């Protein structure tokens, strides 16, 4: 008896640090990076836009689909990040690539201030409040005469020339940076959702009262997610307007940034990691073939969004995943196996129970 009680427990081995999904991320990143050497400038430009839309959509999906924070004003940080890059390039002659990081830090600082106001709101008041704050940002930058006021401003020619490395063209460099940002956002989202913080975030989304009962600090976690997402929006905004070479309040703080992203996430599948990627592919294919139809294109986008929300409320990928159990980026938690010598399991215990990280 005593020998049995004092024998070491054979606990399950820990999960491998490098999984098949990690390998798939690495292989995909390498393959897409290799494309930079065979694509022409036009194709690279199209994929640059695709990459940053995937990153923006995934960030909003983390905020709204997993965190339950329905923000309609993330363009405030996207535009602010763009203006920070232009200001640093114009007034301090700072290299654009270094300015991208500082733009993210500035956006995080702004988000810390804004969070004290928006975190007091909920439901439709939260959505409207974040949109109003984005409009305040637009009006504020419209009065900044040093940055071109309402007409906007262009990036200095020296900053543009610094992107040409000689052995690598500017288009190829921007392509690789866009790919890096997209991979970093999606892989970071995957790792976060596989962690205890992702599980806590899903718990808050599904039932705030139950999450509080379990000891989860909702306000702290939501605040951290909001700041990180806003910082990433600032970096992406700086990069986006670096590719456009010009910025204005109307383009930087346009509500269409959020509108298109919501469309992408909803039709792809909100609350899934694969959804924003699938939705972005659908959006770009539609835009490619319907853009010449003028205003009809926007009407068709709206109709498709309504149809998907009516008949496939979980989005296209969400429905496929629910019906067929597909998951390219699995985030489910599995209950650990019982160790040898443990007391017999009671009914409902130790049978491979899962804690869902996806909707």
Protein backbone atom coordinates (compact mmCIF):
# COMPACT_ATOMS: atom_id res chain seq x y z
CA UNK A 1 0.00 0.00 0.00
CA UNK A 2 2.70 2.47 1.01
CA UNK A 3 4.76 1.64 -2.05
CA UNK A 4 1.77 2.34 -4.23
CA UNK A 5 1.06 5.66 -2.55
CA UNK A 6 4.62 6.92 -2.78
CA UNK A 7 5.35 5.81 -6.36
CA UNK A 8 5.81 8.66 -8.85
CA UNK A 9 2.85 9.61 -10.97
CA UNK A 10 3.13 9.00 -14.72
CA UNK A 11 1.60 12.21 -15.96
CA UNK A 12 0.90 12.70 -19.67
CA UNK A 13 3.80 14.00 -21.72
CA UNK A 14 3.61 17.66 -22.59
CA UNK A 15 2.57 18.67 -26.10
CA UNK A 16 5.40 19.14 -28.60
CA UNK A 17 6.66 22.68 -28.90
CA UNK A 18 6.61 22.50 -32.71
CA UNK A 19 3.34 21.12 -34.09
CA UNK A 20 2.18 20.34 -37.60
CA UNK A 21 0.31 23.63 -37.66
CA UNK A 22 3.53 25.49 -36.82
CA UNK A 23 5.22 23.66 -39.68
CA UNK A 24 2.37 24.57 -42.02
CA UNK A 25 2.74 28.25 -41.09
CA UNK A 26 6.48 28.12 -41.78
CA UNK A 27 6.08 26.27 -45.09
CA UNK A 28 3.36 28.65 -46.28
CA UNK A 29 5.44 31.70 -45.36
CA UNK A 30 8.49 30.35 -47.21
CA UNK A 31 6.43 29.47 -50.30
CA UNK A 32 4.78 32.89 -50.43
CA UNK A 33 8.13 34.62 -49.90
CA UNK A 34 9.57 32.67 -52.83
CA UNK A 35 6.78 34.02 -55.04
CA UNK A 36 8.29 37.48 -54.67
CA UNK A 37 11.05 36.43 -57.07
CA UNK A 38 8.69 35.30 -59.86
CA UNK A 39 5.79 37.77 -59.68
CA UNK A 40 5.76 41.04 -61.58
CA UNK A 41 5.21 44.42 -59.90
CA UNK A 42 1.45 44.42 -60.53
CA UNK A 43 0.94 40.99 -59.01
CA UNK A 44 3.11 41.89 -56.03
CA UNK A 45 1.04 45.03 -55.45
CA UNK A 46 -2.21 43.04 -55.49
CA UNK A 47 -0.85 40.50 -53.00
CA UNK A 48 0.46 43.28 -50.76
CA UNK A 49 -3.10 44.58 -50.47
CA UNK A 50 -4.41 41.06 -49.91
CA UNK A 51 -1.90 40.44 -47.11
CA UNK A 52 -2.70 43.59 -45.17
CA UNK A 53 -6.45 43.01 -45.51
CA UNK A 54 -5.98 39.49 -44.11
CA UNK A 55 -4.07 40.95 -41.16
CA UNK A 56 -6.66 43.68 -40.52
CA UNK A 57 -9.54 41.20 -40.74
CA UNK A 58 -7.88 38.74 -38.38
CA UNK A 59 -7.22 41.48 -35.83
CA UNK A 60 -10.84 42.63 -35.92
CA UNK A 61 -11.93 38.99 -35.66
CA UNK A 62 -9.87 38.60 -32.47
CA UNK A 63 -11.39 41.76 -31.06
CA UNK A 64 -15.02 41.09 -31.98
CA UNK A 65 -15.27 37.38 -32.76
CA UNK A 66 -13.32 36.16 -29.74
CA UNK A 67 -13.33 39.13 -27.38
CA UNK A 68 -16.92 40.22 -28.04
CA UNK A 69 -15.74 43.84 -28.44
CA UNK A 70 -17.76 45.19 -31.41
CA UNK A 71 -15.64 48.15 -32.44
CA UNK A 72 -16.56 50.21 -35.51
CA UNK A 73 -13.71 52.65 -34.98
CA UNK A 74 -10.46 50.76 -35.43
CA UNK A 75 -9.73 53.00 -38.42
CA UNK A 76 -8.82 55.62 -35.80
CA UNK A 77 -5.59 53.72 -35.08
CA UNK A 78 -5.02 52.74 -38.69
CA UNK A 79 -5.12 56.38 -39.78
CA UNK A 80 -3.14 57.58 -36.77
CA UNK A 81 -0.39 55.07 -37.53
CA UNK A 82 -0.20 56.36 -41.08
CA UNK A 83 0.08 59.97 -39.93
CA UNK A 84 2.77 59.09 -37.38
CA UNK A 85 4.90 57.55 -40.14
CA UNK A 86 4.49 60.61 -42.37
CA UNK A 87 5.25 63.00 -39.50
CA UNK A 88 8.41 61.11 -38.54
CA UNK A 89 9.57 61.00 -42.16
CA UNK A 90 8.88 64.71 -42.78
CA UNK A 91 10.02 66.33 -39.54
CA UNK A 92 12.63 63.90 -38.21
CA UNK A 93 13.88 62.28 -41.43
CA UNK A 94 13.36 58.89 -39.82
CA UNK A 95 13.56 55.80 -42.08
CA UNK A 96 10.05 54.55 -42.92
CA UNK A 97 10.68 50.98 -41.77
CA UNK A 98 11.71 52.12 -38.28
CA UNK A 99 8.73 54.47 -38.20
CA UNK A 100 6.34 51.53 -38.62
CA UNK A 101 7.26 50.22 -35.16
CA UNK A 102 6.96 53.66 -33.57
CA UNK A 103 3.57 54.11 -35.24
CA UNK A 104 2.38 50.99 -33.45
CA UNK A 105 3.63 52.28 -30.11
CA UNK A 106 1.89 55.63 -30.64
CA UNK A 107 -1.35 53.86 -31.57
CA UNK A 108 -1.09 51.79 -28.39
CA UNK A 109 -0.68 54.96 -26.35
CA UNK A 110 -3.75 56.52 -27.96
CA UNK A 111 -5.72 53.32 -27.35
CA UNK A 112 -4.84 53.42 -23.64
CA UNK A 113 -6.48 56.84 -23.39
CA UNK A 114 -9.51 55.94 -25.53
CA UNK A 115 -10.07 52.69 -23.61
CA UNK A 116 -11.04 54.56 -20.45
CA UNK A 117 -14.02 55.98 -22.34
CA UNK A 118 -15.12 53.09 -24.56
CA UNK A 119 -14.85 50.43 -21.86
CA UNK A 120 -17.69 52.15 -20.03
CA UNK A 121 -19.98 51.42 -22.99
CA UNK A 122 -21.65 48.19 -24.10
CA UNK A 123 -23.75 46.83 -26.96
CA UNK A 124 -24.82 49.32 -29.63
CA UNK A 125 -23.48 52.22 -27.54
CA UNK A 126 -20.01 50.68 -27.78
CA UNK A 127 -20.21 50.31 -31.56
CA UNK A 128 -21.46 53.87 -32.05
CA UNK A 129 -19.03 55.26 -29.49
CA UNK A 130 -15.97 53.78 -31.19
CA UNK A 131 -17.16 55.09 -34.56
CA UNK A 132 -17.67 58.58 -33.10
CA UNK A 133 -14.15 58.53 -31.64
CA UNK A 134 -12.76 57.66 -35.07
CA UNK A 135 -14.61 60.66 -36.50
CA UNK A 136 -13.07 62.85 -33.78
CA UNK A 137 -9.64 61.64 -34.90
CA UNK A 138 -10.51 62.52 -38.51
CA UNK A 139 -11.63 66.02 -37.57
CA UNK A 140 -8.53 66.56 -35.41
CA UNK A 141 -6.12 65.62 -38.20
CA UNK A 142 -8.14 67.74 -40.64
CA UNK A 143 -7.08 70.77 -38.60
CA UNK A 144 -3.37 69.84 -38.53
CA UNK A 145 -2.00 72.31 -41.06
CA UNK A 146 1.55 70.98 -40.65
CA UNK A 147 0.32 67.66 -42.05
CA UNK A 148 -1.63 69.10 -44.94
CA UNK A 149 -4.91 69.61 -43.05
CA UNK A 150 -7.89 68.31 -45.01
CA UNK A 151 -6.10 67.99 -48.35
CA UNK A 152 -3.47 65.56 -47.03
CA UNK A 153 0.26 65.27 -47.63
CA UNK A 154 2.73 63.14 -49.57
CA UNK A 155 5.73 61.30 -48.18
CA UNK A 156 9.15 62.88 -48.94
CA UNK A 157 11.00 61.56 -51.97
CA UNK A 158 14.06 60.69 -49.85
CA UNK A 159 11.93 58.34 -47.74
CA UNK A 160 10.69 56.60 -50.88
CA UNK A 161 14.23 56.22 -52.24
CA UNK A 162 15.39 54.64 -48.98
CA UNK A 163 13.13 51.67 -49.73
CA UNK A 164 15.15 50.79 -52.83
CA UNK A 165 17.97 48.62 -51.49
CA UNK A 166 19.67 48.11 -54.83
CA UNK A 167 19.75 44.32 -54.61
CA UNK A 168 16.00 44.32 -53.86
CA UNK A 169 13.38 46.50 -55.52
CA UNK A 170 10.95 48.60 -53.51
CA UNK A 171 7.99 46.49 -54.71
CA UNK A 172 9.66 43.27 -53.54
CA UNK A 173 10.58 44.77 -50.18
CA UNK A 174 7.01 45.94 -49.57
CA UNK A 175 5.72 42.51 -50.60
CA UNK A 176 7.95 40.76 -48.06
CA UNK A 177 7.03 43.23 -45.29
CA UNK A 178 3.31 42.74 -46.00
CA UNK A 179 3.78 38.97 -45.90
CA UNK A 180 5.69 39.25 -42.61
CA UNK A 181 2.91 41.33 -41.04
CA UNK A 182 0.18 38.94 -42.23
CA UNK A 183 2.01 35.84 -41.01
CA UNK A 184 2.91 37.48 -37.69
CA UNK A 185 -0.70 38.51 -37.01
CA UNK A 186 -2.22 35.14 -37.94
CA UNK A 187 0.41 33.04 -36.18
CA UNK A 188 0.27 35.29 -33.13
CA UNK A 189 -3.52 34.93 -33.05
CA UNK A 190 -3.20 31.14 -33.31
CA UNK A 191 -0.67 30.90 -30.49
CA UNK A 192 -2.66 33.26 -28.28
CA UNK A 193 -5.87 31.29 -28.74
CA UNK A 194 -4.02 28.07 -27.92
CA UNK A 195 -2.86 29.61 -24.64
CA UNK A 196 -4.70 30.09 -21.37
CA UNK A 197 -5.37 33.70 -22.37
CA UNK A 198 -7.22 32.59 -25.49
CA UNK A 199 -9.31 30.18 -23.44
CA UNK A 200 -10.13 32.97 -20.99
CA UNK A 201 -11.04 35.30 -23.86
CA UNK A 202 -13.45 32.73 -25.31
CA UNK A 203 -14.96 32.21 -21.86
CA UNK A 204 -15.59 35.95 -21.52
CA UNK A 205 -17.20 36.04 -24.96
CA UNK A 206 -19.50 33.10 -24.24
CA UNK A 207 -20.58 34.00 -20.70
CA UNK A 208 -19.18 36.97 -18.82
CA UNK A 209 -20.86 36.05 -15.54
CA UNK A 210 -19.49 32.51 -15.59
CA UNK A 211 -16.04 33.79 -16.54
CA UNK A 212 -16.03 36.15 -13.56
CA UNK A 213 -17.08 33.30 -11.29
CA UNK A 214 -14.07 31.31 -12.51
CA UNK A 215 -11.76 34.15 -11.47
CA UNK A 216 -11.01 35.59 -14.92
CA UNK A 217 -10.15 39.30 -14.82
CA UNK A 218 -12.34 40.40 -17.72
CA UNK A 219 -11.46 44.06 -17.74
CA UNK A 220 -7.71 43.45 -17.66
CA UNK A 221 -7.81 40.87 -20.45
CA UNK A 222 -10.10 42.90 -22.70
CA UNK A 223 -7.97 45.98 -22.11
CA UNK A 224 -4.80 44.09 -23.07
CA UNK A 225 -6.37 42.67 -26.24
CA UNK A 226 -7.70 46.09 -27.24
CA UNK A 227 -4.28 47.71 -26.81
CA UNK A 228 -2.41 44.99 -28.71
CA UNK A 229 -4.92 44.99 -31.58
CA UNK A 230 -4.83 48.80 -31.77
CA UNK A 231 -1.02 48.79 -31.83
CA UNK A 232 -1.06 46.29 -34.68
CA UNK A 233 -3.60 48.47 -36.51
CA UNK A 234 -1.22 51.40 -36.11
CA UNK A 235 1.67 49.45 -37.62
CA UNK A 236 -0.49 48.23 -40.48
CA UNK A 237 -1.81 51.74 -41.09
CA UNK A 238 1.74 53.06 -41.31
CA UNK A 239 2.64 50.34 -43.79
CA UNK A 240 -0.53 50.79 -45.87
CA UNK A 241 0.00 54.51 -46.42
CA UNK A 242 3.69 53.93 -47.01
CA UNK A 243 2.63 51.86 -50.01
CA UNK A 244 0.20 54.58 -51.12
CA UNK A 245 2.80 57.39 -50.66
CA UNK A 246 0.07 59.86 -49.70
CA UNK A 247 -2.33 60.29 -46.81
CA UNK A 248 -5.37 62.45 -46.06
CA UNK A 249 -7.96 62.44 -43.27
CA UNK A 250 -10.68 61.28 -45.66
CA UNK A 251 -8.70 58.20 -46.75
CA UNK A 252 -7.03 57.44 -43.41
CA UNK A 253 -10.16 57.49 -41.24
CA UNK A 254 -12.67 56.24 -43.81
CA UNK A 255 -15.41 54.05 -42.28
CA UNK A 256 -15.06 51.81 -45.34
CA UNK A 257 -11.92 50.34 -43.79
CA UNK A 258 -14.06 48.80 -41.07
CA UNK A 259 -16.99 48.13 -43.40
CA UNK A 260 -14.98 45.97 -45.78
CA UNK A 261 -13.28 44.18 -42.90
CA UNK A 262 -16.61 43.34 -41.25
CA UNK A 263 -17.86 42.00 -44.59
CA UNK A 264 -14.77 39.81 -44.95
CA UNK A 265 -15.01 38.43 -41.42
CA UNK A 266 -18.77 37.84 -41.52
CA UNK A 267 -18.87 35.96 -44.83
CA UNK A 268 -15.77 33.96 -43.94
CA UNK A 269 -16.79 33.06 -40.42
CA UNK A 270 -16.51 35.25 -37.35
CA UNK A 271 -14.97 33.54 -34.35
CA UNK A 272 -12.77 31.25 -36.46
CA UNK A 273 -9.14 31.78 -37.46
CA UNK A 274 -9.71 30.46 -40.97
CA UNK A 275 -12.78 32.66 -41.57
CA UNK A 276 -11.00 35.99 -42.25
CA UNK A 277 -8.60 34.30 -44.69
CA UNK A 278 -11.43 32.60 -46.61
CA UNK A 279 -13.49 35.80 -46.53
CA UNK A 280 -10.58 37.82 -47.86
CA UNK A 281 -10.13 35.43 -50.78
CA UNK A 282 -13.84 35.70 -51.61
CA UNK A 283 -13.77 39.49 -51.34
CA UNK A 284 -10.77 39.88 -53.64
CA UNK A 285 -12.19 37.49 -56.25
CA UNK A 286 -15.47 39.40 -56.23
CA UNK A 287 -13.70 42.73 -56.46
CA UNK A 288 -11.58 41.51 -59.35
CA UNK A 289 -14.60 40.48 -61.43
CA UNK A 290 -17.24 42.97 -60.26
CA UNK A 291 -15.26 46.20 -59.79
CA UNK A 292 -16.11 47.37 -63.32
CA UNK A 293 -19.84 47.36 -62.52
CA UNK A 294 -19.56 50.66 -60.61
CA UNK A 295 -22.02 51.17 -57.77
CA UNK A 296 -23.63 47.82 -58.59
CA UNK A 297 -20.53 46.20 -57.11
CA UNK A 298 -21.26 47.65 -53.67
CA UNK A 299 -24.93 46.62 -53.91
CA UNK A 300 -23.88 43.06 -54.73
CA UNK A 301 -21.50 43.02 -51.77
CA UNK A 302 -24.34 44.08 -49.49
CA UNK A 303 -26.73 41.49 -50.90
CA UNK A 304 -24.17 38.70 -50.53
CA UNK A 305 -23.50 39.78 -46.96
CA UNK A 306 -27.23 39.70 -46.16
CA UNK A 307 -27.69 36.25 -47.75
CA UNK A 308 -24.73 34.80 -45.85
CA UNK A 309 -25.89 36.25 -42.53
CA UNK A 310 -29.43 34.96 -43.17
CA UNK A 311 -28.66 31.40 -44.24
CA UNK A 312 -25.12 30.87 -42.92
CA UNK A 313 -24.94 32.89 -39.67
CA UNK A 314 -21.62 31.30 -38.76
CA UNK A 315 -20.11 32.29 -42.12
CA UNK A 316 -19.03 30.04 -44.96
CA UNK A 317 -16.08 28.50 -43.16
CA UNK A 318 -17.96 28.39 -39.87
CA UNK A 319 -20.72 26.28 -41.46
CA UNK A 320 -18.25 23.94 -43.16
CA UNK A 321 -16.31 23.49 -39.94
CA UNK A 322 -19.49 22.80 -37.95
CA UNK A 323 -20.84 20.25 -40.44
CA UNK A 324 -17.66 18.41 -41.37
CA UNK A 325 -15.40 19.05 -38.38
CA UNK A 326 -12.71 20.74 -40.48
CA UNK A 327 -10.05 22.88 -38.80
CA UNK A 328 -6.86 23.95 -40.55
CA UNK A 329 -5.90 26.06 -37.53
CA UNK A 330 -7.22 24.02 -34.57
CA UNK A 331 -7.64 25.89 -31.32
CA UNK A 332 -9.63 23.35 -29.32
CA UNK A 333 -8.44 22.28 -25.88
CA UNK A 334 -8.55 18.58 -24.98
CA UNK A 335 -8.89 17.36 -21.42
CA UNK A 336 -5.67 15.56 -20.36
CA UNK A 337 -5.67 11.78 -20.03
CA UNK A 338 -6.00 10.39 -16.53
CA UNK A 339 -2.72 9.22 -15.01
CA UNK A 340 -2.19 5.53 -14.17
CA UNK A 341 -3.33 4.59 -10.69
CA UNK A 342 -5.90 7.40 -10.49
CA UNK A 343 -9.29 6.65 -8.93
CA UNK A 344 -11.97 5.48 -11.38
CA UNK A 345 -13.53 8.30 -13.36
CA UNK A 346 -17.01 9.37 -12.49
CA UNK A 347 -19.61 9.55 -15.21
CA UNK A 348 -18.79 12.31 -17.71
CA UNK A 349 -15.11 12.57 -16.69
CA UNK A 350 -11.96 11.59 -18.55
CA UNK A 351 -13.59 10.84 -21.90
CA UNK A 352 -11.75 13.20 -24.15
CA UNK A 353 -13.87 16.18 -23.27
CA UNK A 354 -13.10 19.26 -25.32
CA UNK A 355 -13.17 22.93 -24.53
CA UNK A 356 -14.00 24.77 -27.70
CA UNK A 357 -11.89 27.69 -28.76
CA UNK A 358 -13.99 28.26 -31.88
CA UNK A 359 -17.64 28.99 -32.17
